[in-house]
Amino acid sequence: MKTSFIPKILLLPMIVSLAACIPSPEDLETEPVKVQTAKGEVTCQLYRHDRVTWDRAIDYPATKMSVAEADGYCRQEGQRRLK
């Protein structure tokens, strides 16, 4: 059975135009925020209020905490600002 490639080719521009509408994380970034913790200052990159799961640490005292711990502080700060 032969299939026509024309419908598939016509569908390509629509898919490309829809993909261009999806924002990247950089489009949703806020100004970096500094959070004071017991182990030192953590600089957080926060995103829109409904994107708390993307919040992450961009600077932290590496000798005192792990990346996961620093990211956790940033997510907590994002949650705090959400309320």
PDB file of N, CA and C in Angstrom:
ATOM      1  N   MET A   1       0.838  -1.176   0.000  1.00  0.00           N
ATOM      2  CA  MET A   1       0.000   0.000   0.000  1.00  0.00           C
ATOM      3  C   MET A   1       0.886   1.243   0.000  1.00  0.00           C
ATOM      4  N   LYS A   2       0.681   2.124  -0.924  1.00  0.00           N
ATOM      5  CA  LYS A   2       1.453   3.359  -1.019  1.00  0.00           C
ATOM      6  C   LYS A   2       0.788   4.451  -0.184  1.00  0.00           C
ATOM      7  N   THR A   3       1.628   5.220   0.496  1.00  0.00           N
ATOM      8  CA  THR A   3       1.101   6.365   1.237  1.00  0.00           C
ATOM      9  C   THR A   3       1.667   7.638   0.623  1.00  0.00           C
ATOM     10  N   SER A   4       0.892   8.662   0.674  1.00  0.00           N
ATOM     11  CA  SER A   4       1.301   9.937   0.107  1.00  0.00           C
ATOM     12  C   SER A   4       2.115  10.739   1.127  1.00  0.00           C
ATOM     13  N   PHE A   5       3.186  11.347   0.663  1.00  0.00           N
ATOM     14  CA  PHE A   5       4.017  12.172   1.529  1.00  0.00           C
ATOM     15  C   PHE A   5       3.511  13.607   1.595  1.00  0.00           C
ATOM     16  N   ILE A   6       2.625  13.986   0.717  1.00  0.00           N
ATOM     17  CA  ILE A   6       2.147  15.373   0.669  1.00  0.00           C
ATOM     18  C   ILE A   6       1.466  15.789   1.971  1.00  0.00           C
ATOM     19  N   PRO A   7       0.553  15.005   2.538  1.00  0.00           N
ATOM     20  CA  PRO A   7      -0.041  15.434   3.820  1.00  0.00           C
ATOM     21  C   PRO A   7       0.998  15.593   4.934  1.00  0.00           C
ATOM     22  N   LYS A   8       1.999  14.743   4.936  1.00  0.00           N
ATOM     23  CA  LYS A   8       3.044  14.832   5.952  1.00  0.00           C
ATOM     24  C   LYS A   8       3.890  16.083   5.761  1.00  0.00           C
ATOM     25  N   ILE A   9       4.180  16.423   4.532  1.00  0.00           N
ATOM     26  CA  ILE A   9       4.963  17.617   4.231  1.00  0.00           C
ATOM     27  C   ILE A   9       4.168  18.866   4.594  1.00  0.00           C
ATOM     28  N   LEU A  10       2.869  18.868   4.354  1.00  0.00           N
ATOM     29  CA  LEU A  10       2.042  20.016   4.694  1.00  0.00           C
ATOM     30  C   LEU A  10       1.881  20.176   6.207  1.00  0.00           C
ATOM     31  N   LEU A  11       2.014  19.112   6.943  1.00  0.00           N
ATOM     32  CA  LEU A  11       1.884  19.156   8.390  1.00  0.00           C
ATOM     33  C   LEU A  11       3.143  19.716   9.057  1.00  0.00           C
ATOM     34  N   LEU A  12       4.278  19.619   8.414  1.00  0.00           N
ATOM     35  CA  LEU A  12       5.546  20.059   8.978  1.00  0.00           C
ATOM     36  C   LEU A  12       5.554  21.545   9.377  1.00  0.00           C
ATOM     37  N   PRO A  13       5.120  22.485   8.533  1.00  0.00           N
ATOM     38  CA  PRO A  13       5.133  23.898   8.946  1.00  0.00           C
ATOM     39  C   PRO A  13       4.271  24.161  10.181  1.00  0.00           C
ATOM     40  N   MET A  14       3.167  23.447  10.305  1.00  0.00           N
ATOM     41  CA  MET A  14       2.310  23.630  11.474  1.00  0.00           C
ATOM     42  C   MET A  14       3.024  23.175  12.748  1.00  0.00           C
ATOM     43  N   ILE A  15       3.710  22.067  12.679  1.00  0.00           N
ATOM     44  CA  ILE A  15       4.442  21.557  13.839  1.00  0.00           C
ATOM     45  C   ILE A  15       5.572  22.511  14.225  1.00  0.00           C
ATOM     46  N   VAL A  16       6.280  23.015  13.235  1.00  0.00           N
ATOM     47  CA  VAL A  16       7.382  23.942  13.491  1.00  0.00           C
ATOM     48  C   VAL A  16       6.859  25.231  14.130  1.00  0.00           C
ATOM     49  N   SER A  17       5.748  25.762  13.641  1.00  0.00           N
ATOM     50  CA  SER A  17       5.209  27.001  14.200  1.00  0.00           C
ATOM     51  C   SER A  17       4.712  26.796  15.627  1.00  0.00           C
ATOM     52  N   LEU A  18       4.151  25.641  15.930  1.00  0.00           N
ATOM     53  CA  LEU A  18       3.717  25.365  17.299  1.00  0.00           C
ATOM     54  C   LEU A  18       4.911  25.229  18.239  1.00  0.00           C
ATOM     55  N   ALA A  19       5.967  24.618  17.782  1.00  0.00           N
ATOM     56  CA  ALA A  19       7.165  24.453  18.603  1.00  0.00           C
ATOM     57  C   ALA A  19       7.792  25.808  18.936  1.00  0.00           C
ATOM     58  N   ALA A  20       7.669  26.767  18.055  1.00  0.00           N
ATOM     59  CA  ALA A  20       8.229  28.094  18.289  1.00  0.00           C
ATOM     60  C   ALA A  20       7.474  28.837  19.390  1.00  0.00           C
ATOM     61  N   CYS A  21       6.268  28.435  19.705  1.00  0.00           N
ATOM     62  CA  CYS A  21       5.448  29.089  20.731  1.00  0.00           C
ATOM     63  C   CYS A  21       5.767  28.615  22.139  1.00  0.00           C
ATOM     64  N   ILE A  22       6.478  27.531  22.279  1.00  0.00           N
ATOM     65  CA  ILE A  22       6.783  26.982  23.593  1.00  0.00           C
ATOM     66  C   ILE A  22       7.928  27.794  24.200  1.00  0.00           C
ATOM     67  N   PRO A  23       7.713  28.400  25.381  1.00  0.00           N
ATOM     68  CA  PRO A  23       8.783  29.210  25.975  1.00  0.00           C
ATOM     69  C   PRO A  23       9.898  28.340  26.534  1.00  0.00           C
ATOM     70  N   SER A  24      11.090  28.872  26.507  1.00  0.00           N
ATOM     71  CA  SER A  24      12.224  28.180  27.112  1.00  0.00           C
ATOM     72  C   SER A  24      12.331  28.641  28.565  1.00  0.00           C
ATOM     73  N   PRO A  25      13.035  27.903  29.415  1.00  0.00           N
ATOM     74  CA  PRO A  25      13.187  28.349  30.803  1.00  0.00           C
ATOM     75  C   PRO A  25      13.781  29.754  30.921  1.00  0.00           C
ATOM     76  N   GLU A  26      14.665  30.129  30.014  1.00  0.00           N
ATOM     77  CA  GLU A  26      15.272  31.461  30.063  1.00  0.00           C
ATOM     78  C   GLU A  26      14.232  32.572  29.913  1.00  0.00           C
ATOM     79  N   ASP A  27      13.145  32.290  29.190  1.00  0.00           N
ATOM     80  CA  ASP A  27      12.083  33.283  29.012  1.00  0.00           C
ATOM     81  C   ASP A  27      11.289  33.506  30.296  1.00  0.00           C
ATOM     82  N   LEU A  28      11.376  32.595  31.235  1.00  0.00           N
ATOM     83  CA  LEU A  28      10.575  32.654  32.457  1.00  0.00           C
ATOM     84  C   LEU A  28      11.383  33.016  33.695  1.00  0.00           C
ATOM     85  N   GLU A  29      12.683  33.268  33.535  1.00  0.00           N
ATOM     86  CA  GLU A  29      13.549  33.557  34.674  1.00  0.00           C
ATOM     87  C   GLU A  29      13.225  34.895  35.322  1.00  0.00           C
ATOM     88  N   THR A  30      13.390  34.942  36.652  1.00  0.00           N
ATOM     89  CA  THR A  30      13.317  36.196  37.388  1.00  0.00           C
ATOM     90  C   THR A  30      14.751  36.629  37.692  1.00  0.00           C
ATOM     91  N   GLU A  31      14.903  37.778  38.330  1.00  0.00           N
ATOM     92  CA  GLU A  31      16.233  38.191  38.779  1.00  0.00           C
ATOM     93  C   GLU A  31      16.698  37.205  39.849  1.00  0.00           C
ATOM     94  N   PRO A  32      17.983  36.853  39.889  1.00  0.00           N
ATOM     95  CA  PRO A  32      18.470  35.939  40.931  1.00  0.00           C
ATOM     96  C   PRO A  32      18.172  36.486  42.329  1.00  0.00           C
ATOM     97  N   VAL A  33      17.911  35.567  43.257  1.00  0.00           N
ATOM     98  CA  VAL A  33      17.545  35.906  44.628  1.00  0.00           C
ATOM     99  C   VAL A  33      18.562  35.281  45.574  1.00  0.00           C
ATOM    100  N   LYS A  34      18.962  36.020  46.597  1.00  0.00           N
ATOM    101  CA  LYS A  34      19.895  35.490  47.593  1.00  0.00           C
ATOM    102  C   LYS A  34      19.102  35.038  48.816  1.00  0.00           C
ATOM    103  N   VAL A  35      19.401  33.809  49.277  1.00  0.00           N
ATOM    104  CA  VAL A  35      18.728  33.225  50.431  1.00  0.00           C
ATOM    105  C   VAL A  35      19.775  32.931  51.495  1.00  0.00           C
ATOM    106  N   GLN A  36      19.550  33.424  52.709  1.00  0.00           N
ATOM    107  CA  GLN A  36      20.463  33.161  53.821  1.00  0.00           C
ATOM    108  C   GLN A  36      20.088  31.836  54.473  1.00  0.00           C
ATOM    109  N   THR A  37      21.051  30.937  54.626  1.00  0.00           N
ATOM    110  CA  THR A  37      20.831  29.655  55.297  1.00  0.00           C
ATOM    111  C   THR A  37      21.835  29.531  56.438  1.00  0.00           C
ATOM    112  N   ALA A  38      21.654  28.520  57.258  1.00  0.00           N
ATOM    113  CA  ALA A  38      22.584  28.282  58.365  1.00  0.00           C
ATOM    114  C   ALA A  38      23.989  27.943  57.859  1.00  0.00           C
ATOM    115  N   LYS A  39      24.084  27.432  56.635  1.00  0.00           N
ATOM    116  CA  LYS A  39      25.383  27.037  56.074  1.00  0.00           C
ATOM    117  C   LYS A  39      25.981  28.078  55.135  1.00  0.00           C
ATOM    118  N   GLY A  40      25.299  29.202  54.966  1.00  0.00           N
ATOM    119  CA  GLY A  40      25.808  30.256  54.099  1.00  0.00           C
ATOM    120  C   GLY A  40      24.759  30.736  53.113  1.00  0.00           C
ATOM    121  N   GLU A  41      25.179  31.679  52.281  1.00  0.00           N
ATOM    122  CA  GLU A  41      24.268  32.298  51.322  1.00  0.00           C
ATOM    123  C   GLU A  41      24.149  31.457  50.050  1.00  0.00           C
ATOM    124  N   VAL A  42      22.910  31.278  49.588  1.00  0.00           N
ATOM    125  CA  VAL A  42      22.627  30.550  48.352  1.00  0.00           C
ATOM    126  C   VAL A  42      21.973  31.536  47.385  1.00  0.00           C
ATOM    127  N   THR A  43      22.497  31.612  46.170  1.00  0.00           N
ATOM    128  CA  THR A  43      21.888  32.441  45.134  1.00  0.00           C
ATOM    129  C   THR A  43      21.015  31.539  44.281  1.00  0.00           C
ATOM    130  N   CYS A  44      19.750  31.912  44.177  1.00  0.00           N
ATOM    131  CA  CYS A  44      18.766  31.076  43.484  1.00  0.00           C
ATOM    132  C   CYS A  44      18.286  31.728  42.195  1.00  0.00           C
ATOM    133  N   GLN A  45      18.097  30.883  41.192  1.00  0.00           N
ATOM    134  CA  GLN A  45      17.430  31.313  39.966  1.00  0.00           C
ATOM    135  C   GLN A  45      15.996  30.814  40.070  1.00  0.00           C
ATOM    136  N   LEU A  46      15.079  31.737  40.284  1.00  0.00           N
ATOM    137  CA  LEU A  46      13.669  31.379  40.381  1.00  0.00           C
ATOM    138  C   LEU A  46      12.993  31.631  39.041  1.00  0.00           C
ATOM    139  N   TYR A  47      11.913  30.931  38.826  1.00  0.00           N
ATOM    140  CA  TYR A  47      11.144  31.066  37.596  1.00  0.00           C
ATOM    141  C   TYR A  47       9.746  31.534  37.948  1.00  0.00           C
ATOM    142  N   ARG A  48       8.842  31.510  37.006  1.00  0.00           N
ATOM    143  CA  ARG A  48       7.470  31.935  37.280  1.00  0.00           C
ATOM    144  C   ARG A  48       6.932  31.193  38.493  1.00  0.00           C
ATOM    145  N   HIS A  49       5.916  31.787  39.106  1.00  0.00           N
ATOM    146  CA  HIS A  49       5.358  31.211  40.332  1.00  0.00           C
ATOM    147  C   HIS A  49       4.806  29.809  40.137  1.00  0.00           C
ATOM    148  N   ASP A  50       4.354  29.487  38.939  1.00  0.00           N
ATOM    149  CA  ASP A  50       3.814  28.143  38.718  1.00  0.00           C
ATOM    150  C   ASP A  50       4.873  27.172  38.216  1.00  0.00           C
ATOM    151  N   ARG A  51       6.142  27.555  38.279  1.00  0.00           N
ATOM    152  CA  ARG A  51       7.246  26.708  37.821  1.00  0.00           C
ATOM    153  C   ARG A  51       8.258  26.465  38.933  1.00  0.00           C
ATOM    154  N   VAL A  52       7.799  26.255  40.142  1.00  0.00           N
ATOM    155  CA  VAL A  52       8.703  26.094  41.288  1.00  0.00           C
ATOM    156  C   VAL A  52       9.642  24.909  41.105  1.00  0.00           C
ATOM    157  N   THR A  53       9.221  23.888  40.387  1.00  0.00           N
ATOM    158  CA  THR A  53      10.075  22.712  40.202  1.00  0.00           C
ATOM    159  C   THR A  53      11.329  23.030  39.390  1.00  0.00           C
ATOM    160  N   TRP A  54      11.339  24.131  38.658  1.00  0.00           N
ATOM    161  CA  TRP A  54      12.525  24.518  37.898  1.00  0.00           C
ATOM    162  C   TRP A  54      13.515  25.312  38.741  1.00  0.00           C
ATOM    163  N   ASP A  55      13.106  25.860  39.885  1.00  0.00           N
ATOM    164  CA  ASP A  55      13.965  26.703  40.702  1.00  0.00           C
ATOM    165  C   ASP A  55      15.236  25.937  41.079  1.00  0.00           C
ATOM    166  N   ARG A  56      16.382  26.641  40.994  1.00  0.00           N
ATOM    167  CA  ARG A  56      17.657  25.969  41.244  1.00  0.00           C
ATOM    168  C   ARG A  56      18.683  26.959  41.781  1.00  0.00           C
ATOM    169  N   ALA A  57      19.719  26.407  42.390  1.00  0.00           N
ATOM    170  CA  ALA A  57      20.809  27.224  42.922  1.00  0.00           C
ATOM    171  C   ALA A  57      21.821  27.504  41.818  1.00  0.00           C
ATOM    172  N   ILE A  58      22.257  28.750  41.732  1.00  0.00           N
ATOM    173  CA  ILE A  58      23.298  29.089  40.759  1.00  0.00           C
ATOM    174  C   ILE A  58      24.615  29.424  41.452  1.00  0.00           C
ATOM    175  N   ASP A  59      24.561  29.613  42.780  1.00  0.00           N
ATOM    176  CA  ASP A  59      25.772  29.824  43.569  1.00  0.00           C
ATOM    177  C   ASP A  59      25.470  29.428  45.014  1.00  0.00           C
ATOM    178  N   TYR A  60      26.399  28.715  45.630  1.00  0.00           N
ATOM    179  CA  TYR A  60      26.212  28.236  46.999  1.00  0.00           C
ATOM    180  C   TYR A  60      27.577  27.870  47.578  1.00  0.00           C
ATOM    181  N   PRO A  61      27.687  27.779  48.916  1.00  0.00           N
ATOM    182  CA  PRO A  61      28.965  27.380  49.522  1.00  0.00           C
ATOM    183  C   PRO A  61      29.218  25.883  49.308  1.00  0.00           C
ATOM    184  N   ALA A  62      29.957  25.548  48.288  1.00  0.00           N
ATOM    185  CA  ALA A  62      30.158  24.151  47.873  1.00  0.00           C
ATOM    186  C   ALA A  62      30.849  23.298  48.930  1.00  0.00           C
ATOM    187  N   THR A  63      31.616  23.927  49.800  1.00  0.00           N
ATOM    188  CA  THR A  63      32.299  23.151  50.834  1.00  0.00           C
ATOM    189  C   THR A  63      31.373  22.776  51.986  1.00  0.00           C
ATOM    190  N   LYS A  64      30.200  23.414  52.051  1.00  0.00           N
ATOM    191  CA  LYS A  64      29.290  23.197  53.179  1.00  0.00           C
ATOM    192  C   LYS A  64      28.001  22.485  52.820  1.00  0.00           C
ATOM    193  N   MET A  65      27.644  22.441  51.511  1.00  0.00           N
ATOM    194  CA  MET A  65      26.388  21.791  51.125  1.00  0.00           C
ATOM    195  C   MET A  65      26.490  21.221  49.719  1.00  0.00           C
ATOM    196  N   SER A  66      25.604  20.292  49.424  1.00  0.00           N
ATOM    197  CA  SER A  66      25.574  19.659  48.096  1.00  0.00           C
ATOM    198  C   SER A  66      24.679  20.463  47.156  1.00  0.00           C
ATOM    199  N   VAL A  67      24.763  20.131  45.886  1.00  0.00           N
ATOM    200  CA  VAL A  67      23.903  20.775  44.888  1.00  0.00           C
ATOM    201  C   VAL A  67      22.429  20.513  45.215  1.00  0.00           C
ATOM    202  N   ALA A  68      22.122  19.279  45.574  1.00  0.00           N
ATOM    203  CA  ALA A  68      20.732  18.924  45.880  1.00  0.00           C
ATOM    204  C   ALA A  68      20.206  19.723  47.076  1.00  0.00           C
ATOM    205  N   GLU A  69      21.055  19.905  48.077  1.00  0.00           N
ATOM    206  CA  GLU A  69      20.632  20.676  49.252  1.00  0.00           C
ATOM    207  C   GLU A  69      20.415  22.140  48.881  1.00  0.00           C
ATOM    208  N   ALA A  70      21.323  22.711  48.092  1.00  0.00           N
ATOM    209  CA  ALA A  70      21.187  24.103  47.665  1.00  0.00           C
ATOM    210  C   ALA A  70      19.928  24.284  46.802  1.00  0.00           C
ATOM    211  N   ASP A  71      19.694  23.340  45.891  1.00  0.00           N
ATOM    212  CA  ASP A  71      18.478  23.413  45.071  1.00  0.00           C
ATOM    213  C   ASP A  71      17.227  23.317  45.946  1.00  0.00           C
ATOM    214  N   GLY A  72      17.296  22.520  46.998  1.00  0.00           N
ATOM    215  CA  GLY A  72      16.176  22.392  47.925  1.00  0.00           C
ATOM    216  C   GLY A  72      15.840  23.719  48.588  1.00  0.00           C
ATOM    217  N   TYR A  73      16.870  24.472  49.004  1.00  0.00           N
ATOM    218  CA  TYR A  73      16.637  25.796  49.580  1.00  0.00           C
ATOM    219  C   TYR A  73      15.947  26.712  48.566  1.00  0.00           C
ATOM    220  N   CYS A  74      16.348  26.599  47.311  1.00  0.00           N
ATOM    221  CA  CYS A  74      15.744  27.452  46.273  1.00  0.00           C
ATOM    222  C   CYS A  74      14.290  27.071  46.022  1.00  0.00           C
ATOM    223  N   ARG A  75      14.001  25.802  46.011  1.00  0.00           N
ATOM    224  CA  ARG A  75      12.603  25.379  45.825  1.00  0.00           C
ATOM    225  C   ARG A  75      11.748  25.823  47.012  1.00  0.00           C
ATOM    226  N   GLN A  76      12.329  25.765  48.218  1.00  0.00           N
ATOM    227  CA  GLN A  76      11.610  26.247  49.407  1.00  0.00           C
ATOM    228  C   GLN A  76      11.313  27.737  49.279  1.00  0.00           C
ATOM    229  N   GLU A  77      12.293  28.489  48.783  1.00  0.00           N
ATOM    230  CA  GLU A  77      12.085  29.929  48.600  1.00  0.00           C
ATOM    231  C   GLU A  77      11.011  30.185  47.551  1.00  0.00           C
ATOM    232  N   GLY A  78      11.024  29.411  46.479  1.00  0.00           N
ATOM    233  CA  GLY A  78       9.974  29.542  45.463  1.00  0.00           C
ATOM    234  C   GLY A  78       8.605  29.227  46.031  1.00  0.00           C
ATOM    235  N   GLN A  79       8.513  28.186  46.850  1.00  0.00           N
ATOM    236  CA  GLN A  79       7.244  27.826  47.498  1.00  0.00           C
ATOM    237  C   GLN A  79       6.801  28.940  48.449  1.00  0.00           C
ATOM    238  N   ARG A  80       7.744  29.503  49.182  1.00  0.00           N
ATOM    239  CA  ARG A  80       7.414  30.582  50.124  1.00  0.00           C
ATOM    240  C   ARG A  80       6.825  31.786  49.381  1.00  0.00           C
ATOM    241  N   ARG A  81       7.422  32.113  48.242  1.00  0.00           N
ATOM    242  CA  ARG A  81       6.934  33.258  47.459  1.00  0.00           C
ATOM    243  C   ARG A  81       5.616  32.971  46.763  1.00  0.00           C
ATOM    244  N   LEU A  82       5.316  31.688  46.576  1.00  0.00           N
ATOM    245  CA  LEU A  82       4.066  31.291  45.938  1.00  0.00           C
ATOM    246  C   LEU A  82       2.859  31.618  46.817  1.00  0.00           C
ATOM    247  N   LYS A  83       3.047  31.582  48.128  1.00  0.00           N
ATOM    248  CA  LYS A  83       1.937  31.785  49.069  1.00  0.00           C
ATOM    249  C   LYS A  83       1.544  33.212  49.224  1.00  0.00           C
TER     250      LYS A  83
END
